[in-house]
Protein backbone atom coordinates (compact mmCIF):
# COMPACT_ATOMS: atom_id res chain seq x y z
CA MET A 1 10.43 -1.07 -4.69
CA GLU A 2 12.18 -2.24 -1.68
CA LYS A 3 15.27 -2.86 -3.99
CA VAL A 4 15.99 0.87 -4.97
CA CYS A 5 19.51 1.92 -3.73
CA PHE A 6 19.67 1.62 -0.36
CA LEU A 7 16.98 3.73 1.11
CA PHE A 8 14.71 0.70 2.11
CA VAL A 9 16.68 -2.17 3.72
CA SER A 10 15.12 -2.88 7.61
CA ALA A 11 15.65 -0.55 10.33
CA LEU A 12 17.56 -1.15 13.72
CA PHE A 13 17.53 0.77 16.80
CA PHE A 14 20.12 2.24 18.90
CA ALA A 15 19.45 3.75 22.38
CA SER A 16 20.73 7.07 23.13
CA LEU A 17 20.36 9.64 26.05
CA PHE A 18 17.87 12.51 25.41
CA HIS A 19 16.65 14.72 27.66
CA GLY A 20 16.87 12.88 30.62
CA LYS A 21 15.03 9.91 29.16
CA ILE A 22 15.74 7.25 27.08
CA VAL A 23 14.44 7.34 23.32
CA LYS A 24 15.29 5.60 20.18
CA ALA A 25 16.64 6.58 17.33
CA ARG A 26 16.68 4.81 13.88
CA THR A 27 19.49 3.67 11.22
CA ASN A 28 19.25 1.58 8.24
CA GLN A 29 21.06 -1.76 7.89
CA ASP A 30 24.66 -0.64 7.01
CA GLY A 31 24.48 2.59 9.27
CA SER A 32 24.36 5.02 5.58
CA GLU A 33 21.23 6.61 7.23
CA SER A 34 19.93 7.71 10.67
CA TRP A 35 16.91 9.96 11.49
CA ASP A 36 14.71 10.77 14.85
CA TYR A 37 13.15 13.63 16.40
CA VAL A 38 14.59 16.27 18.85
CA GLU A 39 12.33 17.63 21.28
CA VAL A 40 13.99 21.43 20.74
CA ARG A 41 11.75 22.51 23.43
CA PRO A 42 9.09 20.87 25.46
CA LYS A 43 6.23 19.81 23.17
CA ALA A 44 8.32 21.03 20.22
CA HIS A 45 9.60 18.33 18.24
CA MET A 46 12.21 18.90 15.12
CA PHE A 47 12.83 15.88 12.50
CA TRP A 48 15.89 15.12 11.28
CA TRP A 49 17.42 12.56 8.98
CA LEU A 50 20.95 12.19 8.05
CA TYR A 51 22.77 10.33 4.98
CA ARG A 52 26.22 9.20 5.16
CA SER A 53 28.03 9.80 1.61
CA PRO A 54 28.82 6.39 -0.20
CA TYR A 55 31.28 8.15 -2.19
CA ARG A 56 33.08 9.15 0.86
CA VAL A 57 36.73 9.89 -0.15
CA GLN A 58 39.95 9.76 2.73
CA ASN A 59 42.04 12.67 2.83
CA PRO A 60 43.83 13.11 5.71
CA SER A 61 44.33 16.89 4.79
CA LYS A 62 40.63 17.61 3.90
CA PRO A 63 38.14 16.14 6.28
CA TRP A 64 34.76 15.03 4.90
CA PRO A 65 32.26 17.95 4.71
CA ILE A 66 28.40 17.68 6.20
CA ILE A 67 25.87 19.94 4.75
CA LEU A 68 22.89 21.01 6.70
CA TRP A 69 20.32 21.86 4.03
CA LEU A 70 17.44 24.52 5.24
CA GLN A 71 14.65 25.13 2.96
CA GLY A 72 12.63 28.22 2.49
CA GLY A 73 9.20 29.21 2.63
CA PRO A 74 8.94 29.42 5.54
CA GLY A 75 7.15 26.26 6.00
CA ALA A 76 8.54 24.30 3.04
CA SER A 77 10.50 20.50 4.14
CA GLY A 78 14.00 20.23 3.71
CA ALA A 79 13.43 16.40 4.39
CA GLY A 80 10.98 16.25 1.52
CA PHE A 81 11.80 18.83 -1.03
CA GLY A 82 15.46 19.44 -0.16
CA ASN A 83 15.93 15.68 -0.11
CA PHE A 84 13.63 14.05 -2.85
CA GLY A 85 13.12 17.32 -4.71
CA GLU A 86 16.40 18.61 -4.99
CA ILE A 87 19.67 17.08 -3.69
CA GLY A 88 19.33 14.23 -2.05
CA PRO A 89 20.28 10.24 -3.40
CA LEU A 90 16.57 9.62 -4.91
CA ASN A 91 14.15 11.84 -6.61
CA VAL A 92 10.28 11.45 -6.17
CA ASN A 93 9.73 8.30 -8.55
CA LEU A 94 12.72 6.67 -6.22
CA LYS A 95 15.08 7.12 -8.49
CA PRO A 96 19.07 7.52 -8.50
CA ARG A 97 20.03 11.13 -8.98
CA ASN A 98 23.08 11.19 -10.38
CA SER A 99 23.52 14.67 -9.27
CA THR A 100 22.92 14.17 -5.70
CA TRP A 101 25.10 16.63 -3.41
CA LEU A 102 25.99 12.91 -1.44
CA ARG A 103 29.04 13.19 -3.97
CA VAL A 104 30.75 15.62 -2.15
CA ALA A 105 29.44 15.60 1.36
CA ASP A 106 27.23 14.22 3.81
CA LEU A 107 23.55 15.42 4.03
CA LEU A 108 21.75 16.56 7.06
CA PHE A 109 17.93 17.16 6.01
CA VAL A 110 15.76 19.03 8.71
CA ASP A 111 12.09 20.16 8.75
CA ASN A 112 12.37 23.40 10.18
CA PRO A 113 10.82 25.30 11.74
CA VAL A 114 8.76 22.98 14.14
CA GLY A 115 5.52 22.43 12.35
CA THR A 116 6.75 22.03 8.61
CA GLY A 117 7.15 18.80 7.45
CA TYR A 118 7.24 16.05 9.94
CA SER A 119 7.96 18.23 12.59
CA PHE A 120 5.36 19.06 14.84
CA VAL A 121 4.08 20.91 18.20
CA GLU A 122 1.87 19.97 20.72
CA ASP A 123 0.67 23.38 21.11
CA LYS A 124 0.51 25.85 18.17
CA SER A 125 1.36 28.75 20.34
CA LEU A 126 4.67 26.64 20.40
CA LEU A 127 5.51 27.75 16.45
CA VAL A 128 8.35 30.03 16.20
CA LYS A 129 7.33 33.82 15.33
CA THR A 130 11.23 35.17 14.46
CA ASP A 131 14.16 33.78 12.87
CA GLU A 132 16.22 34.05 15.72
CA GLU A 133 13.61 31.54 17.67
CA ALA A 134 13.98 29.16 14.70
CA ALA A 135 18.27 29.13 15.53
CA THR A 136 17.82 28.54 18.64
CA ASP A 137 16.02 25.53 17.73
CA LEU A 138 18.16 24.15 15.42
CA THR A 139 21.16 24.89 17.54
CA THR A 140 19.36 22.60 20.02
CA LEU A 141 18.70 19.85 17.36
CA LEU A 142 22.57 20.00 16.41
CA GLN A 143 23.96 19.87 19.64
CA GLU A 144 22.08 16.53 20.10
CA VAL A 145 23.16 15.21 16.51
CA PHE A 146 26.84 16.20 16.84
CA ASN A 147 27.47 16.05 20.32
CA ARG A 148 26.42 12.51 20.51
CA ASN A 149 28.20 11.31 17.40
CA VAL A 150 31.92 11.76 17.28
CA ASN A 151 32.42 10.92 13.55
CA LEU A 152 30.22 13.87 12.52
CA GLN A 153 32.60 16.18 14.86
CA LYS A 154 35.29 15.48 12.52
CA SER A 155 33.50 16.84 9.36
CA PRO A 156 33.48 20.70 8.98
CA LEU A 157 29.56 21.73 9.16
CA TYR A 158 28.57 23.77 6.26
CA ILE A 159 24.80 25.14 6.28
CA VAL A 160 23.33 25.72 2.88
CA ALA A 161 20.41 27.61 2.22
CA GLU A 162 17.72 28.02 -0.23
CA SER A 163 15.20 30.94 -0.37
CA TYR A 164 13.67 31.79 2.99
CA GLY A 165 16.13 29.57 4.50
CA GLY A 166 18.94 32.18 4.08
CA LYS A 167 17.77 33.89 7.06
CA PHE A 168 17.71 30.94 9.08
CA ALA A 169 20.95 30.08 7.78
CA VAL A 170 22.79 33.54 9.02
CA THR A 171 20.69 33.42 12.18
CA LEU A 172 21.76 29.44 13.09
CA GLY A 173 25.49 30.14 11.71
CA LEU A 174 25.55 33.05 14.73
CA SER A 175 24.08 30.73 17.24
CA ALA A 176 25.86 27.87 16.46
CA LEU A 177 29.35 29.87 16.43
CA LYS A 178 28.35 31.20 19.95
CA ALA A 179 27.40 27.44 21.07
CA ILE A 180 30.88 26.11 19.54
CA GLU A 181 32.40 28.97 21.27
CA GLU A 182 31.07 28.28 24.60
CA GLY A 183 31.66 24.39 24.44
CA LYS A 184 28.02 23.67 23.93
CA LEU A 185 28.61 22.16 20.89
CA ASN A 186 30.96 19.84 19.44
CA ALA A 187 31.31 20.74 15.78
CA LYS A 188 33.17 23.39 13.56
CA LEU A 189 31.33 25.55 11.63
CA GLY A 190 32.98 25.27 7.52
CA GLY A 191 30.72 28.36 6.36
CA VAL A 192 27.43 29.21 5.46
CA ALA A 193 25.89 29.24 1.75
CA LEU A 194 23.17 31.27 1.11
CA GLY A 195 21.17 30.39 -2.41
CA ASP A 196 19.04 32.48 -3.81
CA THR A 197 17.96 33.95 -0.37
CA TRP A 198 15.25 36.24 0.69
CA ILE A 199 17.99 38.21 3.00
CA SER A 200 16.97 41.95 1.95
CA PRO A 201 13.28 41.90 1.32
CA GLU A 202 13.40 45.42 0.61
CA ASP A 203 15.88 45.26 -2.11
CA PHE A 204 14.42 42.21 -4.02
CA VAL A 205 10.84 44.17 -4.24
CA LEU A 206 12.42 47.10 -5.70
CA SER A 207 14.17 44.78 -8.18
CA TRP A 208 11.17 43.37 -9.35
CA GLY A 209 9.63 46.13 -11.32
CA PRO A 210 13.02 47.13 -13.15
CA LEU A 211 14.23 43.46 -13.61
CA LEU A 212 10.87 42.45 -15.42
CA LYS A 213 10.88 45.88 -17.44
CA ASP A 214 14.29 45.29 -18.69
CA VAL A 215 13.36 41.34 -19.86
CA SER A 216 10.19 42.84 -21.61
CA ARG A 217 7.54 41.22 -19.13
CA LEU A 218 6.53 44.63 -17.70
CA ASP A 219 5.72 47.91 -19.97
CA LYS A 220 6.00 51.10 -18.50
CA ASN A 221 2.74 51.29 -16.60
CA GLY A 222 3.33 48.20 -15.16
CA LEU A 223 7.05 49.22 -14.16
CA GLU A 224 5.37 52.38 -12.39
CA LYS A 225 2.80 50.37 -10.52
CA ALA A 226 4.94 47.50 -9.14
CA ASN A 227 7.44 50.80 -8.07
CA SER A 228 4.96 52.64 -6.19
CA LEU A 229 4.25 49.41 -4.04
CA ALA A 230 8.10 48.46 -3.56
CA GLU A 231 8.50 52.22 -2.21
CA LYS A 232 5.56 51.85 0.09
CA ILE A 233 7.20 48.21 1.32
CA LYS A 234 10.43 50.01 1.95
CA GLN A 235 8.90 52.93 3.60
CA GLN A 236 6.79 49.89 5.82
CA ILE A 237 10.01 48.26 6.81
CA SER A 238 11.78 51.17 7.47
CA ASN A 239 9.19 52.07 10.11
CA GLY A 240 9.06 48.78 11.53
CA GLN A 241 5.78 47.93 10.12
CA TYR A 242 6.99 43.96 9.12
CA VAL A 243 3.32 42.57 8.95
CA GLU A 244 2.15 45.41 6.77
CA ALA A 245 4.73 45.28 4.60
CA THR A 246 3.90 41.28 4.09
CA ASP A 247 0.25 42.42 3.46
CA SER A 248 1.86 44.90 0.62
CA TRP A 249 4.29 42.30 -0.78
CA ALA A 250 1.38 40.00 -1.72
CA LYS A 251 -0.31 42.65 -3.19
CA LEU A 252 3.25 43.47 -5.71
CA GLU A 253 3.08 39.97 -6.30
CA GLY A 254 -0.66 40.40 -7.35
CA VAL A 255 0.04 43.62 -9.57
CA ILE A 256 3.28 42.12 -11.04
CA SER A 257 1.58 38.89 -12.25
CA ARG A 258 -1.74 40.76 -13.71
CA SER A 259 0.57 43.40 -15.41
CA SER A 260 3.44 40.72 -16.64
CA ASN A 261 0.56 37.89 -17.56
CA SER A 262 1.35 36.27 -14.68
CA VAL A 263 4.94 35.71 -14.97
CA ASP A 264 6.95 32.93 -13.02
CA PHE A 265 8.05 34.34 -10.01
CA TYR A 266 10.78 31.47 -10.30
CA ASN A 267 11.81 31.79 -13.70
CA PHE A 268 10.99 34.99 -15.81
CA LEU A 269 11.41 33.15 -18.90
CA LEU A 270 8.16 31.01 -17.91
CA ASP A 271 4.29 31.70 -17.50
CA SER A 272 3.12 30.42 -13.98
CA GLU A 273 0.89 28.72 -15.99
CA MET A 274 2.95 26.80 -17.72
CA ASP A 275 3.97 24.32 -14.68
CA PRO A 276 1.85 23.25 -11.68
CA VAL A 277 3.33 26.25 -9.71
CA SER A 278 0.82 28.97 -10.78
CA LEU A 279 -1.76 30.62 -8.69
CA THR A 280 -4.77 32.41 -9.48
CA THR A 281 -5.01 36.03 -8.57
CA ALA A 282 -7.00 35.18 -5.74
CA GLU A 283 -4.07 32.87 -3.90
CA LEU A 284 -1.88 35.49 -5.25
CA LEU A 285 -3.47 38.28 -3.12
CA GLN A 286 -3.71 36.36 -0.21
CA GLY A 287 -0.29 35.90 -0.16
CA ILE A 288 0.34 32.26 0.34
CA ALA A 289 4.06 32.40 -2.00
CA MET A 290 4.52 29.20 0.24
CA LYS A 291 1.94 27.40 -1.37
CA ARG A 292 3.32 28.00 -4.78
CA TYR A 293 6.89 27.03 -3.67
CA LYS A 294 5.56 23.57 -2.74
CA ARG A 295 3.54 23.13 -5.64
CA TYR A 296 6.74 24.22 -7.61
CA LEU A 297 8.87 21.71 -6.15
CA ASN A 298 6.06 18.98 -6.35
CA SER A 299 6.65 19.60 -9.75
CA ILE A 300 9.84 18.32 -9.80
CA ARG A 301 11.02 15.42 -11.79
CA SER A 302 14.33 13.98 -12.34
CA THR A 303 12.75 11.16 -14.51
CA PRO A 304 10.97 13.10 -17.63
CA GLY A 305 7.70 11.67 -17.65
CA GLY A 306 7.35 10.30 -14.26
CA ASP A 307 4.46 9.89 -12.21
CA GLY A 308 5.97 10.64 -8.56
CA ASP A 309 3.74 12.19 -6.24
CA ILE A 310 6.17 13.98 -3.06
CA TYR A 311 3.07 14.21 -1.20
CA SER A 312 2.06 10.32 -1.84
CA LEU A 313 5.42 9.81 -0.91
CA MET A 314 5.77 11.29 1.96
CA ASN A 315 2.56 10.59 3.58
CA GLY A 316 2.93 7.00 1.76
CA VAL A 317 6.15 4.64 1.34
CA ILE A 318 8.63 7.07 3.54
CA ARG A 319 6.07 7.64 6.08
CA LYS A 320 5.86 3.74 6.75
CA LYS A 321 10.17 3.27 6.23
CA LEU A 322 10.70 5.80 8.89
CA GLY A 323 8.48 4.50 11.54
CA VAL A 324 8.65 7.51 14.06
CA ILE A 325 6.20 9.77 12.81
CA PRO A 326 3.56 10.20 14.89
CA ASN A 327 -0.26 8.75 13.80
CA ASN A 328 -1.57 12.60 14.15
CA VAL A 329 0.71 14.01 11.88
CA SER A 330 0.79 14.26 8.43
CA TRP A 331 3.52 15.93 6.17
CA GLY A 332 3.13 19.25 4.58
CA ASP A 333 -0.35 19.91 6.85
CA GLN A 334 1.32 22.64 9.05
CA SER A 335 3.30 24.69 6.33
CA ASP A 336 0.68 27.19 6.43
CA ASP A 337 0.66 27.64 10.04
CA VAL A 338 4.22 28.10 10.35
CA PHE A 339 3.88 30.63 7.63
CA ASP A 340 1.68 32.76 9.49
CA SER A 341 3.17 32.66 12.72
CA MET A 342 6.29 33.98 10.98
CA ALA A 343 4.24 36.90 9.31
CA GLY A 344 5.88 39.53 11.43
CA ASP A 345 9.78 38.62 10.67
CA PHE A 346 8.91 37.65 6.97
CA MET A 347 10.02 41.20 5.90
CA ARG A 348 12.86 41.62 8.23
CA PRO A 349 16.18 42.18 6.80
CA ARG A 350 19.23 39.97 7.55
CA ILE A 351 22.17 42.05 6.25
CA ASN A 352 23.50 42.80 9.49
CA GLU A 353 23.73 38.95 10.53
CA VAL A 354 25.63 38.21 6.91
CA ASP A 355 28.08 41.24 7.86
CA GLU A 356 28.72 39.57 11.98
CA LEU A 357 29.46 36.32 10.25
CA LEU A 358 32.50 37.87 7.84
CA ALA A 359 33.86 39.85 10.80
CA LYS A 360 34.29 36.60 12.73
CA GLY A 361 35.99 35.29 9.78
CA VAL A 362 33.19 32.54 8.55
CA ASN A 363 33.31 31.42 5.08
CA VAL A 364 30.32 33.11 3.39
CA THR A 365 29.30 31.98 -0.32
CA VAL A 366 26.27 33.69 -2.01
CA TYR A 367 24.84 31.87 -5.13
CA ASN A 368 22.05 32.99 -7.45
CA GLY A 369 20.49 32.01 -10.28
CA GLN A 370 20.08 34.65 -13.42
CA LEU A 371 16.58 33.55 -14.23
CA ASP A 372 15.24 34.00 -10.51
CA VAL A 373 12.60 36.97 -10.16
CA ILE A 374 11.75 36.47 -6.33
CA CYS A 375 15.49 36.37 -5.15
CA SER A 376 16.44 38.01 -8.18
CA THR A 377 20.24 38.35 -8.82
CA LYS A 378 19.58 42.43 -9.47
CA GLY A 379 18.56 42.27 -5.61
CA THR A 380 20.94 39.83 -4.21
CA GLU A 381 23.71 42.11 -5.59
CA ALA A 382 21.97 45.22 -4.44
CA TRP A 383 21.94 44.04 -0.26
CA VAL A 384 25.57 42.85 -1.08
CA GLU A 385 26.56 46.48 -1.88
CA LYS A 386 25.13 47.26 1.67
CA LEU A 387 27.76 45.28 3.67
CA LYS A 388 30.13 46.85 5.99
CA TRP A 389 32.34 44.61 5.78
CA GLU A 390 36.45 45.74 4.99
CA GLY A 391 36.76 43.41 2.08
CA LEU A 392 33.73 45.00 0.25
CA PRO A 393 35.84 47.19 -1.72
CA ASN A 394 38.59 44.94 -3.01
CA PHE A 395 36.11 42.40 -3.70
CA SER A 396 33.77 44.74 -5.87
CA ASN A 397 37.01 45.68 -8.00
CA MET A 398 37.98 41.94 -9.16
CA ASP A 399 37.15 40.85 -12.10
CA ARG A 400 35.27 37.69 -12.30
CA THR A 401 35.64 34.19 -13.55
CA PRO A 402 33.75 31.96 -15.96
CA LEU A 403 32.56 28.76 -14.85
CA TYR A 404 32.18 25.25 -17.14
CA CYS A 405 30.78 22.14 -16.87
CA ASP A 406 31.97 18.43 -17.90
CA GLY A 407 34.64 19.43 -20.06
CA ASP A 408 32.29 21.79 -22.46
CA ARG A 409 33.24 25.25 -23.22
CA LEU A 410 29.99 26.84 -22.80
CA THR A 411 29.77 29.29 -20.17
CA ARG A 412 27.63 27.93 -17.17
CA GLY A 413 28.11 31.12 -15.20
CA PHE A 414 30.82 33.37 -13.09
CA THR A 415 32.24 33.59 -9.69
CA LYS A 416 34.65 35.68 -7.81
CA SER A 417 36.41 35.71 -4.26
CA TYR A 418 38.15 37.68 -1.35
CA LYS A 419 38.88 36.07 1.37
CA ASN A 420 36.22 34.79 3.19
CA PHE A 421 33.43 35.80 0.69
CA HIS A 422 32.56 34.30 -2.35
CA PHE A 423 29.68 34.66 -5.05
CA TYR A 424 28.51 33.09 -8.05
CA TRP A 425 26.51 33.99 -10.62
CA ILE A 426 24.49 30.49 -12.38
CA LEU A 427 23.23 31.38 -15.66
CA GLY A 428 20.30 29.33 -16.92
CA ALA A 429 19.12 28.89 -13.49
CA GLY A 430 16.00 30.02 -11.97
CA HIS A 431 15.23 30.06 -7.82
CA PHE A 432 16.61 26.10 -7.81
CA VAL A 433 19.98 26.27 -8.66
CA PRO A 434 20.29 22.32 -8.15
CA VAL A 435 17.70 21.24 -10.30
CA ASP A 436 18.15 23.93 -13.18
CA GLN A 437 21.87 23.13 -13.32
CA PRO A 438 22.55 20.09 -11.22
CA CYS A 439 26.32 19.80 -12.82
CA ILE A 440 27.55 23.30 -11.65
CA ALA A 441 25.76 23.47 -8.72
CA LEU A 442 27.27 20.16 -7.61
CA ASN A 443 30.56 21.52 -8.85
CA MET A 444 30.04 24.64 -6.92
CA VAL A 445 29.04 23.05 -3.67
CA GLY A 446 32.43 20.35 -3.90
CA ALA A 447 34.15 23.88 -4.07
CA ILE A 448 32.65 25.33 -1.70
CA THR A 449 33.28 23.00 1.08
CA ASP A 450 36.24 22.11 -0.14
CA SER A 451 35.42 18.48 -0.34
CA PRO A 452 38.41 15.87 -1.19
CA ALA A 453 36.01 14.66 -3.94
CA ALA A 454 35.71 17.74 -5.56
CA GLY A 455 36.68 17.64 -9.56
CA SER A 456 35.78 14.10 -9.57
CA ALA A 457 32.09 14.24 -8.77
């Protein structure tokens, strides 16, 4: 195991100033990885892990990009799930991932918000309650990481998010841009990419019934039940009753589960019982969808039949390798607290933030898996149509371009762009696009980041 890739080489220490104190961050022997904590607020500690790509291409006209990956939940670990489950150099069995996004960019994983994964708070009252609070903490982390690393400052920063991470991404995008403009953050924002993201909860819950009826997972009776509850949620959101809307959302998932014989919310071609993601009705009614999210990602294997377990991995060999995790912090144990703390913001839309980014000229990309339910393409298209961005009419009237992979002529998706807005429809993928369609996802992110390695990945 100690010979697997570059992950398990011995660690070196380097000192840096941090909040007026001397602290020790860590890097591996060849400098391809570094990791540490940032105390984003007193007694609130956020973990980060940076990978420098071994596939880096030098191109004077195209700087090598860096991707900040933001996981969803809220409360799921980017350093664990995004890294080992989806796009990092190794899978949960510590085998090389051929489709790692390191082929086109450097990767920065964080356990966000504080209380997620390896990140921790010394007092639960310090957990964030809103997306804006999470964005403020993330901006503080970026200042600590980027302002002390001249090499990072040369790379355009792309914030790429999945699921609930999209709400963090757009609020962070605005917060980071402000910090850059004020000279507080030495970085260049390249763009924001939103993958199957929970930007407008209202549009998603309204989409569930019609979508599942169209693909025969609901009948007329199920559709009527789903639509009735979705309309209630719409009204609660309109009234600013976000906690009540979160409760109703949980009930709606239960109604749909019973009426569809437990459709998988992350892939409508599957039953939830077909994989370890499935929840009991009681769990659905408790509204702990974040647990389903974690269990889904825990089931991901890059090697068929592999016996990797991400919880054992993160609390075992990875914890030992990192050497900075406090003894009283167990990876993954605090995610429920994060989800509960954010219950009042969970159903709040973030369409306006997307509009603000577009108006400021920031590149915004939306990509969606065809088979997703919880953040369905139907719902995504609905909130995109609500944008006030002046370029929307021209974008809407454009034709799409088909996407292919590996030189074949099988249609893998579609895309279209107008000015600084880009949309990708990914066929054959559910909620987790990099897992379901790794080839097209890698090509897509290479194009999004304008990577000098794009086309050769």
